[in-house]
Amino acid sequence: MLPIRLHPEADAEGIEAAEHINADDRREAALFKEALREALRWARSEPLIFRCFEKDFRKLRIGKFRYLLIFRLRGDEVQVLAIAHTSRKPGHWKERARSWRK
C-alpha cells in the first residue's frame, strides 16, 4: 500500500461532510465514515484502477454517498486533494493542485 496524504482542506471537507450527514441521521454518518475509510484504502492499495481525468487526477465515489474522493499519485504517495460533493462547487479543488507540491 502506498502512503497517503490529505490536503488540509480535504481533511476539513471530510469532517464537514460527516457532520452534515450526522445532523440528519447518525447511522448514515457512521456509514459515511466507513465508506470514506474504504475509499481511502482503495486509493492507497489500487490507485491505478481509477481512470485519470483532467491530466493526472483520479476520482472514486465514496460508497452510496454523493461525495467523491479526488486524488493523484505523486512519487510514491497518494495525495488526496478533495472530498467533494458531486453537485457543489465543481472544480474547487483545482487551485489546491497547483499550490500543493510534494
Protein backbone atom coordinates (compact mmCIF):
# COMPACT_ATOMS: atom_id res chain seq x y z
CA MET A 1 0.00 0.00 0.00
CA LEU A 2 1.16 3.47 -0.81
CA PRO A 3 1.36 6.16 1.82
CA ILE A 4 -1.45 8.69 1.67
CA ARG A 5 -1.50 12.39 2.43
CA LEU A 6 -4.64 14.52 2.69
CA HIS A 7 -4.63 18.17 1.79
CA PRO A 8 -5.69 20.07 4.94
CA GLU A 9 -8.78 21.37 3.14
CA ALA A 10 -9.72 17.85 2.00
CA ASP A 11 -9.46 16.67 5.59
CA ALA A 12 -11.75 19.52 6.67
CA GLU A 13 -14.20 18.63 3.88
CA GLY A 14 -14.42 15.06 5.14
CA ILE A 15 -15.17 16.24 8.67
CA GLU A 16 -17.74 18.75 7.40
CA ALA A 17 -19.46 16.11 5.24
CA ALA A 18 -19.71 13.70 8.18
CA GLU A 19 -21.11 16.44 10.42
CA HIS A 20 -23.63 17.46 7.76
CA ILE A 21 -24.83 13.89 7.34
CA ASN A 22 -24.85 13.38 11.12
CA ALA A 23 -27.22 16.33 11.55
CA ASP A 24 -29.83 14.32 9.63
CA ASP A 25 -29.02 10.75 10.61
CA ARG A 26 -26.33 9.43 12.96
CA ARG A 27 -26.44 5.97 11.42
CA GLU A 28 -25.86 7.37 7.94
CA ALA A 29 -22.94 9.41 9.29
CA ALA A 30 -21.35 6.22 10.62
CA LEU A 31 -21.86 4.59 7.22
CA PHE A 32 -20.30 7.60 5.51
CA LYS A 33 -17.22 7.44 7.74
CA GLU A 34 -16.77 3.75 6.98
CA ALA A 35 -17.26 4.37 3.24
CA LEU A 36 -14.66 7.14 3.39
CA ARG A 37 -12.17 4.83 5.14
CA GLU A 38 -12.83 2.20 2.47
CA ALA A 39 -12.32 4.74 -0.34
CA LEU A 40 -9.01 5.79 1.20
CA ARG A 41 -7.95 2.12 1.40
CA TRP A 42 -8.82 1.63 -2.28
CA ALA A 43 -6.89 4.75 -3.28
CA ARG A 44 -3.85 3.50 -1.34
CA SER A 45 -3.94 -0.11 -2.45
CA GLU A 46 -5.19 0.09 -6.07
CA PRO A 47 -4.83 3.69 -7.28
CA LEU A 48 -4.25 2.74 -10.91
CA ILE A 49 -7.66 1.07 -11.32
CA PHE A 50 -9.26 4.52 -11.27
CA ARG A 51 -9.15 6.35 -14.60
CA CYS A 52 -7.40 9.65 -14.97
CA PHE A 53 -9.43 12.73 -15.75
CA GLU A 54 -8.16 16.26 -16.32
CA LYS A 55 -4.47 15.39 -16.51
CA ASP A 56 -3.43 13.02 -13.75
CA PHE A 57 -6.32 13.31 -11.31
CA ARG A 58 -8.38 10.31 -10.32
CA LYS A 59 -11.69 10.03 -8.50
CA LEU A 60 -13.79 7.46 -6.80
CA ARG A 61 -17.23 7.61 -5.32
CA ILE A 62 -17.48 7.36 -1.55
CA GLY A 63 -19.89 4.48 -1.07
CA LYS A 64 -23.51 5.33 -1.83
CA PHE A 65 -22.99 8.97 -0.93
CA ARG A 66 -22.85 11.97 -3.24
CA TYR A 67 -19.19 12.58 -2.46
CA LEU A 68 -16.04 11.87 -4.43
CA LEU A 69 -12.51 11.27 -3.29
CA ILE A 70 -10.28 13.19 -5.71
CA PHE A 71 -6.63 12.22 -5.66
CA ARG A 72 -3.43 11.95 -7.66
CA LEU A 73 -0.23 9.96 -7.50
CA ARG A 74 2.90 11.92 -6.76
CA GLY A 75 6.13 10.00 -6.45
CA ASP A 76 5.47 7.15 -4.07
CA GLU A 77 2.39 8.62 -2.39
CA VAL A 78 -1.29 9.22 -2.94
CA GLN A 79 -2.30 12.86 -2.47
CA VAL A 80 -5.96 13.45 -1.66
CA LEU A 81 -6.95 16.88 -2.95
CA ALA A 82 -10.64 16.89 -2.09
CA ILE A 83 -13.59 15.12 -0.59
CA ALA A 84 -16.04 16.81 -2.89
CA HIS A 85 -19.82 16.78 -3.06
CA THR A 86 -20.89 15.80 -6.57
CA SER A 87 -23.14 18.83 -7.11
CA ARG A 88 -21.42 21.60 -5.17
CA LYS A 89 -18.55 23.79 -6.28
CA PRO A 90 -17.26 21.69 -9.18
CA GLY A 91 -13.52 22.06 -9.69
CA HIS A 92 -12.96 23.98 -6.46
CA TRP A 93 -10.01 21.72 -5.67
CA LYS A 94 -8.01 22.60 -8.82
CA GLU A 95 -6.29 25.55 -7.18
CA ARG A 96 -5.12 23.21 -4.41
CA ALA A 97 -3.48 21.01 -7.01
CA ARG A 98 -1.49 23.93 -8.36
CA SER A 99 -0.34 25.17 -4.99
CA TRP A 100 0.24 21.83 -3.24
CA ARG A 101 3.54 20.30 -4.16
CA LYS A 102 5.37 17.39 -2.68
